[in-house]
C-alpha atoms as a PDB file:
ATOM      1  CA  UNK A   1    -138.464   0.119-100.341  1.00  0.00           C
ATOM      2  CA  UNK A   2    -137.810  -2.880-102.892  1.00  0.00           C
ATOM      3  CA  UNK A   3    -135.367  -1.974-106.121  1.00  0.00           C
ATOM      4  CA  UNK A   4    -137.451  -3.256-108.688  1.00  0.00           C
ATOM      5  CA  UNK A   5    -139.849  -0.537-107.754  1.00  0.00           C
ATOM      6  CA  UNK A   6    -137.287   2.116-107.599  1.00  0.00           C
ATOM      7  CA  UNK A   7    -135.912   0.575-111.118  1.00  0.00           C
ATOM      8  CA  UNK A   8    -139.788   1.112-112.871  1.00  0.00           C
ATOM      9  CA  UNK A   9    -139.212   4.809-112.206  1.00  0.00           C
ATOM     10  CA  UNK A  10    -136.476   4.275-114.975  1.00  0.00           C
ATOM     11  CA  UNK A  11    -139.032   3.617-117.660  1.00  0.00           C
ATOM     12  CA  UNK A  12    -141.819   6.297-116.508  1.00  0.00           C
ATOM     13  CA  UNK A  13    -139.485   9.597-115.885  1.00  0.00           C
ATOM     14  CA  UNK A  14    -139.984  10.761-119.156  1.00  0.00           C
ATOM     15  CA  UNK A  15    -143.554   9.837-119.393  1.00  0.00           C
ATOM     16  CA  UNK A  16    -144.514  10.539-116.108  1.00  0.00           C
ATOM     17  CA  UNK A  17    -146.174  13.985-117.142  1.00  0.00           C
ATOM     18  CA  UNK A  18    -148.346  12.785-119.737  1.00  0.00           C
ATOM     19  CA  UNK A  19    -149.737  10.274-117.070  1.00  0.00           C
ATOM     20  CA  UNK A  20    -150.369  12.421-114.223  1.00  0.00           C
ATOM     21  CA  UNK A  21    -151.885  14.999-117.180  1.00  0.00           C
ATOM     22  CA  UNK A  22    -154.528  12.539-117.578  1.00  0.00           C
ATOM     23  CA  UNK A  23    -153.128  12.128-121.197  1.00  0.00           C
ATOM     24  CA  UNK A  24    -152.736   8.203-120.415  1.00  0.00           C
ATOM     25  CA  UNK A  25    -156.592   6.988-120.091  1.00  0.00           C
ATOM     26  CA  UNK A  26    -155.436   3.952-118.493  1.00  0.00           C
ATOM     27  CA  UNK A  27    -154.266   5.899-115.460  1.00  0.00           C
ATOM     28  CA  UNK A  28    -156.735   8.917-116.208  1.00  0.00           C
ATOM     29  CA  UNK A  29    -159.068   8.023-112.911  1.00  0.00           C
ATOM     30  CA  UNK A  30    -156.036   7.325-110.774  1.00  0.00           C
ATOM     31  CA  UNK A  31    -154.687  10.823-111.090  1.00  0.00           C
ATOM     32  CA  UNK A  32    -157.869  12.454-111.412  1.00  0.00           C
ATOM     33  CA  UNK A  33    -158.008  15.489-109.958  1.00  0.00           C
ATOM     34  CA  UNK A  34    -154.115  15.570-109.480  1.00  0.00           C
ATOM     35  CA  UNK A  35    -153.985  19.705-108.920  1.00  0.00           C
ATOM     36  CA  UNK A  36    -156.400  19.440-105.964  1.00  0.00           C
ATOM     37  CA  UNK A  37    -154.422  16.804-104.426  1.00  0.00           C
ATOM     38  CA  UNK A  38    -151.309  18.148-104.500  1.00  0.00           C
ATOM     39  CA  UNK A  39    -152.849  21.853-103.263  1.00  0.00           C
ATOM     40  CA  UNK A  40    -154.549  19.368-100.315  1.00  0.00           C
ATOM     41  CA  UNK A  41    -151.250  18.061 -99.056  1.00  0.00           C
ATOM     42  CA  UNK A  42    -149.736  21.913 -99.329  1.00  0.00           C
ATOM     43  CA  UNK A  43    -152.151  23.616 -97.662  1.00  0.00           C
ATOM     44  CA  UNK A  44    -151.586  20.715 -95.022  1.00  0.00           C
ATOM     45  CA  UNK A  45    -148.486  21.713 -94.005  1.00  0.00           C
ATOM     46  CA  UNK A  46    -145.738  24.326 -93.202  1.00  0.00           C
ATOM     47  CA  UNK A  47    -142.391  24.850 -91.738  1.00  0.00           C
ATOM     48  CA  UNK A  48    -139.559  22.227 -93.089  1.00  0.00           C
ATOM     49  CA  UNK A  49    -140.662  19.540 -94.595  1.00  0.00           C
ATOM     50  CA  UNK A  50    -139.028  16.163 -95.951  1.00  0.00           C
ATOM     51  CA  UNK A  51    -140.857  15.378 -99.062  1.00  0.00           C
ATOM     52  CA  UNK A  52    -140.749  11.409-100.132  1.00  0.00           C
ATOM     53  CA  UNK A  53    -140.364   9.990-103.717  1.00  0.00           C
ATOM     54  CA  UNK A  54    -140.189  14.008-105.416  1.00  0.00           C
ATOM     55  CA  UNK A  55    -140.566  12.532-108.744  1.00  0.00           C
ATOM     56  CA  UNK A  56    -140.442  15.359-111.365  1.00  0.00           C
ATOM     57  CA  UNK A  57    -140.735  17.848-108.724  1.00  0.00           C
ATOM     58  CA  UNK A  58    -144.940  18.755-109.337  1.00  0.00           C
ATOM     59  CA  UNK A  59    -145.613  18.469-105.546  1.00  0.00           C
ATOM     60  CA  UNK A  60    -142.263  20.604-104.665  1.00  0.00           C
ATOM     61  CA  UNK A  61    -143.186  23.373-106.696  1.00  0.00           C
ATOM     62  CA  UNK A  62    -146.163  23.858-105.090  1.00  0.00           C
ATOM     63  CA  UNK A  63    -145.003  23.469-101.495  1.00  0.00           C
ATOM     64  CA  UNK A  64    -141.390  26.095-102.494  1.00  0.00           C
ATOM     65  CA  UNK A  65    -144.686  27.934-103.829  1.00  0.00           C
ATOM     66  CA  UNK A  66    -146.471  28.431-100.214  1.00  0.00           C
ATOM     67  CA  UNK A  67    -143.021  29.435 -98.369  1.00  0.00           C
ATOM     68  CA  UNK A  68    -142.594  25.861 -97.411  1.00  0.00           C
ATOM     69  CA  UNK A  69    -138.775  24.490 -97.208  1.00  0.00           C
ATOM     70  CA  UNK A  70    -138.317  21.266 -98.980  1.00  0.00           C
ATOM     71  CA  UNK A  71    -135.691  19.090 -98.449  1.00  0.00           C
ATOM     72  CA  UNK A  72    -136.655  16.061-101.059  1.00  0.00           C
ATOM     73  CA  UNK A  73    -135.600  12.209-101.222  1.00  0.00           C
ATOM     74  CA  UNK A  74    -135.669  10.316-104.125  1.00  0.00           C
ATOM     75  CA  UNK A  75    -134.453   7.250-104.661  1.00  0.00           C
ATOM     76  CA  UNK A  76    -134.848   6.762-108.570  1.00  0.00           C
ATOM     77  CA  UNK A  77    -131.558   8.636-110.207  1.00  0.00           C
ATOM     78  CA  UNK A  78    -133.075   9.671-113.135  1.00  0.00           C
ATOM     79  CA  UNK A  79    -136.412  11.987-111.078  1.00  0.00           C
ATOM     80  CA  UNK A  80    -133.726  12.711-108.634  1.00  0.00           C
ATOM     81  CA  UNK A  81    -131.955  14.764-111.489  1.00  0.00           C
ATOM     82  CA  UNK A  82    -135.111  16.334-112.343  1.00  0.00           C
ATOM     83  CA  UNK A  83    -135.663  17.532-109.522  1.00  0.00           C
ATOM     84  CA  UNK A  84    -132.375  18.813-109.098  1.00  0.00           C
ATOM     85  CA  UNK A  85    -132.836  20.521-112.363  1.00  0.00           C
ATOM     86  CA  UNK A  86    -136.080  22.226-111.568  1.00  0.00           C
ATOM     87  CA  UNK A  87    -134.959  23.238-108.345  1.00  0.00           C
ATOM     88  CA  UNK A  88    -131.058  24.100-108.082  1.00  0.00           C
ATOM     89  CA  UNK A  89    -131.058  25.630-105.125  1.00  0.00           C
ATOM     90  CA  UNK A  90    -132.710  22.909-103.115  1.00  0.00           C
ATOM     91  CA  UNK A  91    -131.699  19.727-101.498  1.00  0.00           C
ATOM     92  CA  UNK A  92    -132.697  16.787-103.326  1.00  0.00           C
ATOM     93  CA  UNK A  93    -131.283  13.199-101.450  1.00  0.00           C
ATOM     94  CA  UNK A  94    -131.047   9.891-102.336  1.00  0.00           C
ATOM     95  CA  UNK A  95    -133.321   8.068-100.093  1.00  0.00           C
ATOM     96  CA  UNK A  96    -136.400   6.359 -99.387  1.00  0.00           C
ATOM     97  CA  UNK A  97    -139.592   6.218 -96.993  1.00  0.00           C
ATOM     98  CA  UNK A  98    -137.559   3.822 -94.793  1.00  0.00           C
ATOM     99  CA  UNK A  99    -133.741   4.991 -95.158  1.00  0.00           C
ATOM    100  CA  UNK A 100    -133.022   8.637 -95.456  1.00  0.00           C
ATOM    101  CA  UNK A 101    -130.775  11.572 -94.272  1.00  0.00           C
ATOM    102  CA  UNK A 102    -132.991  14.540 -93.689  1.00  0.00           C
ATOM    103  CA  UNK A 103    -129.548  16.457 -92.546  1.00  0.00           C
ATOM    104  CA  UNK A 104    -131.700  18.953 -90.089  1.00  0.00           C
ATOM    105  CA  UNK A 105    -132.620  18.910 -86.245  1.00  0.00           C
ATOM    106  CA  UNK A 106    -136.119  20.404 -87.407  1.00  0.00           C
ATOM    107  CA  UNK A 107    -138.904  18.934 -89.360  1.00  0.00           C
ATOM    108  CA  UNK A 108    -142.355  20.182 -88.955  1.00  0.00           C
ATOM    109  CA  UNK A 109    -144.287  17.305 -91.723  1.00  0.00           C
ATOM    110  CA  UNK A 110    -143.268  14.293 -93.415  1.00  0.00           C
ATOM    111  CA  UNK A 111    -145.510  14.206 -97.207  1.00  0.00           C
ATOM    112  CA  UNK A 112    -145.456  12.063-100.306  1.00  0.00           C
ATOM    113  CA  UNK A 113    -148.342  11.434-102.972  1.00  0.00           C
ATOM    114  CA  UNK A 114    -148.111   7.967-104.673  1.00  0.00           C
ATOM    115  CA  UNK A 115    -145.737   6.678-102.996  1.00  0.00           C
ATOM    116  CA  UNK A 116    -146.614   5.404 -99.516  1.00  0.00           C
ATOM    117  CA  UNK A 117    -147.801   1.438-101.269  1.00  0.00           C
ATOM    118  CA  UNK A 118    -144.117   1.032-102.270  1.00  0.00           C
ATOM    119  CA  UNK A 119    -143.906  -0.549 -98.415  1.00  0.00           C
ATOM    120  CA  UNK A 120    -145.445  -3.439 -97.333  1.00  0.00           C
ATOM    121  CA  UNK A 121    -148.173  -2.697 -94.248  1.00  0.00           C
ATOM    122  CA  UNK A 122    -145.359  -4.202 -91.481  1.00  0.00           C
ATOM    123  CA  UNK A 123    -142.794  -1.266 -93.038  1.00  0.00           C
ATOM    124  CA  UNK A 124    -145.522   1.454 -92.961  1.00  0.00           C
ATOM    125  CA  UNK A 125    -145.923   0.685 -89.413  1.00  0.00           C
ATOM    126  CA  UNK A 126    -141.798   0.876 -88.996  1.00  0.00           C
ATOM    127  CA  UNK A 127    -141.616   4.396 -91.350  1.00  0.00           C
ATOM    128  CA  UNK A 128    -144.423   5.697 -89.646  1.00  0.00           C
ATOM    129  CA  UNK A 129    -142.636   4.556 -85.619  1.00  0.00           C
ATOM    130  CA  UNK A 130    -139.476   6.207 -87.383  1.00  0.00           C
ATOM    131  CA  UNK A 131    -141.172   9.357 -88.625  1.00  0.00           C
ATOM    132  CA  UNK A 132    -143.023   9.889 -84.739  1.00  0.00           C
ATOM    133  CA  UNK A 133    -139.730  10.242 -83.373  1.00  0.00           C
ATOM    134  CA  UNK A 134    -138.308  12.602 -85.510  1.00  0.00           C
ATOM    135  CA  UNK A 135    -141.046  14.815 -85.212  1.00  0.00           C
ATOM    136  CA  UNK A 136    -142.086  17.160 -82.606  1.00  0.00           C
ATOM    137  CA  UNK A 137    -145.451  17.445 -80.694  1.00  0.00           C
ATOM    138  CA  UNK A 138    -147.656  19.134 -83.677  1.00  0.00           C
ATOM    139  CA  UNK A 139    -145.639  17.414 -86.090  1.00  0.00           C
ATOM    140  CA  UNK A 140    -147.550  16.054 -89.661  1.00  0.00           C
ATOM    141  CA  UNK A 141    -147.408  13.211 -91.806  1.00  0.00           C
ATOM    142  CA  UNK A 142    -149.554  13.915 -94.794  1.00  0.00           C
ATOM    143  CA  UNK A 143    -149.412  11.469 -97.258  1.00  0.00           C
ATOM    144  CA  UNK A 144    -151.772  10.995-100.677  1.00  0.00           C
ATOM    145  CA  UNK A 145    -151.936   7.421-102.305  1.00  0.00           C
ATOM    146  CA  UNK A 146    -154.450   4.381-103.359  1.00  0.00           C
ATOM    147  CA  UNK A 147    -155.996   2.821-100.570  1.00  0.00           C
ATOM    148  CA  UNK A 148    -159.083   0.835-100.099  1.00  0.00           C
ATOM    149  CA  UNK A 149    -162.197   0.885 -97.679  1.00  0.00           C
ATOM    150  CA  UNK A 150    -161.684  -3.269 -97.370  1.00  0.00           C
ATOM    151  CA  UNK A 151    -159.998  -5.850 -99.460  1.00  0.00           C
ATOM    152  CA  UNK A 152    -163.306  -7.194-101.338  1.00  0.00           C
ATOM    153  CA  UNK A 153    -163.050  -3.339-102.759  1.00  0.00           C
ATOM    154  CA  UNK A 154    -159.370  -3.061-103.810  1.00  0.00           C
ATOM    155  CA  UNK A 155    -160.049  -7.259-105.445  1.00  0.00           C
ATOM    156  CA  UNK A 156    -163.429  -5.259-107.338  1.00  0.00           C
ATOM    157  CA  UNK A 157    -161.328  -2.526-108.371  1.00  0.00           C
ATOM    158  CA  UNK A 158    -159.113  -5.209-110.064  1.00  0.00           C
ATOM    159  CA  UNK A 159    -161.639  -6.797-111.535  1.00  0.00           C
ATOM    160  CA  UNK A 160    -163.172  -3.933-112.934  1.00  0.00           C
ATOM    161  CA  UNK A 161    -159.945  -2.510-114.278  1.00  0.00           C
ATOM    162  CA  UNK A 162    -159.347  -5.922-116.269  1.00  0.00           C
ATOM    163  CA  UNK A 163    -163.004  -5.722-117.322  1.00  0.00           C
ATOM    164  CA  UNK A 164    -162.089  -2.378-118.989  1.00  0.00           C
ATOM    165  CA  UNK A 165    -158.988  -3.928-120.580  1.00  0.00           C
ATOM    166  CA  UNK A 166    -156.810  -1.870-117.566  1.00  0.00           C
ATOM    167  CA  UNK A 167    -154.191  -4.559-117.229  1.00  0.00           C
ATOM    168  CA  UNK A 168    -151.333  -2.137-116.321  1.00  0.00           C
ATOM    169  CA  UNK A 169    -153.282  -0.458-113.358  1.00  0.00           C
ATOM    170  CA  UNK A 170    -154.681  -4.002-112.263  1.00  0.00           C
ATOM    171  CA  UNK A 171    -150.968  -5.458-112.511  1.00  0.00           C
ATOM    172  CA  UNK A 172    -150.184  -2.376-110.347  1.00  0.00           C
ATOM    173  CA  UNK A 173    -152.707  -3.427-107.890  1.00  0.00           C
ATOM    174  CA  UNK A 174    -151.938  -6.561-107.489  1.00  0.00           C
ATOM    175  CA  UNK A 175    -148.004  -6.604-107.407  1.00  0.00           C
ATOM    176  CA  UNK A 176    -147.621  -3.409-105.211  1.00  0.00           C
ATOM    177  CA  UNK A 177    -148.752  -3.114-101.645  1.00  0.00           C
ATOM    178  CA  UNK A 178    -151.952  -1.136-101.639  1.00  0.00           C
ATOM    179  CA  UNK A 179    -153.953  -1.773 -98.279  1.00  0.00           C
ATOM    180  CA  UNK A 180    -157.017  -0.767 -96.948  1.00  0.00           C
ATOM    181  CA  UNK A 181    -158.244   2.321 -94.586  1.00  0.00           C
ATOM    182  CA  UNK A 182    -158.531   0.109 -91.323  1.00  0.00           C
ATOM    183  CA  UNK A 183    -155.074  -1.057 -91.613  1.00  0.00           C
ATOM    184  CA  UNK A 184    -153.895   2.231 -91.852  1.00  0.00           C
ATOM    185  CA  UNK A 185    -155.963   3.651 -89.086  1.00  0.00           C
ATOM    186  CA  UNK A 186    -154.188   1.048 -86.848  1.00  0.00           C
ATOM    187  CA  UNK A 187    -150.675   1.846 -88.512  1.00  0.00           C
ATOM    188  CA  UNK A 188    -150.828   5.725 -87.574  1.00  0.00           C
ATOM    189  CA  UNK A 189    -152.642   4.968 -84.069  1.00  0.00           C
ATOM    190  CA  UNK A 190    -149.971   2.520 -82.661  1.00  0.00           C
ATOM    191  CA  UNK A 191    -146.988   5.242 -83.679  1.00  0.00           C
ATOM    192  CA  UNK A 192    -148.578   7.610 -81.678  1.00  0.00           C
ATOM    193  CA  UNK A 193    -150.475   9.829 -84.731  1.00  0.00           C
ATOM    194  CA  UNK A 194    -154.445  11.220 -84.721  1.00  0.00           C
ATOM    195  CA  UNK A 195    -155.184  10.013 -88.698  1.00  0.00           C
ATOM    196  CA  UNK A 196    -157.956  11.258 -90.543  1.00  0.00           C
ATOM    197  CA  UNK A 197    -158.631  10.448 -94.293  1.00  0.00           C
ATOM    198  CA  UNK A 198    -160.076  12.043 -96.827  1.00  0.00           C
ATOM    199  CA  UNK A 199    -161.235  10.136-100.357  1.00  0.00           C
ATOM    200  CA  UNK A 200    -159.361  12.269-103.406  1.00  0.00           C
ATOM    201  CA  UNK A 201    -160.566   9.810-106.181  1.00  0.00           C
ATOM    202  CA  UNK A 202    -161.939   6.366-106.950  1.00  0.00           C
ATOM    203  CA  UNK A 203    -158.498   5.385-105.905  1.00  0.00           C
ATOM    204  CA  UNK A 204    -156.887   8.179-104.155  1.00  0.00           C
ATOM    205  CA  UNK A 205    -156.866   8.743-100.224  1.00  0.00           C
ATOM    206  CA  UNK A 206    -155.721  11.932 -98.299  1.00  0.00           C
ATOM    207  CA  UNK A 207    -154.130  10.791 -94.953  1.00  0.00           C
ATOM    208  CA  UNK A 208    -153.984  13.438 -92.536  1.00  0.00           C
ATOM    209  CA  UNK A 209    -151.966  12.527 -89.058  1.00  0.00           C
ATOM    210  CA  UNK A 210    -150.862  14.873 -86.560  1.00  0.00           C
ATOM    211  CA  UNK A 211    -148.361  13.601 -83.527  1.00  0.00           C
END
């Protein structure tokens, strides 16, 4: 994951809760149904899981409440400190989607929300193959993130956001590595996963994959 993406969260750490709760009108559609998205990820996993990009700990809280053992991976220092303060009993380790030490021999699932797009398509494939090696049979990868039916749909969304005056959202879509459902399907399948996609809002899709 590029250093520039990690540094972005230095600026966002203090206002992240306002964004996900819908207080920021520009990002309201991106985070529409945020609690439902977190719930959807939570109900699809069990056992011991690795959560990438713990952020301020919103998904973490739901996972712990559900009785799931969580190992947090977070590359941004401010976000990592926020999660560690909220859950002092939990391991929150420095790392990212590709470079991490889970410190356990048994992982039942990998989860994340709003994180996978920080990797290029090639890196996404590399990461999924790594998870496949670490997971047992029937192990899972459950990610929720922005994706598009096609590249044309992505470009149309960028045009729409600029027309609305939402240039930060449009810039995000152009700068980061948001990909398409066909590409994601190919990457999951090549890594040995069967995957199902569920659209959660105009931006976010739930990726529910089993080894």
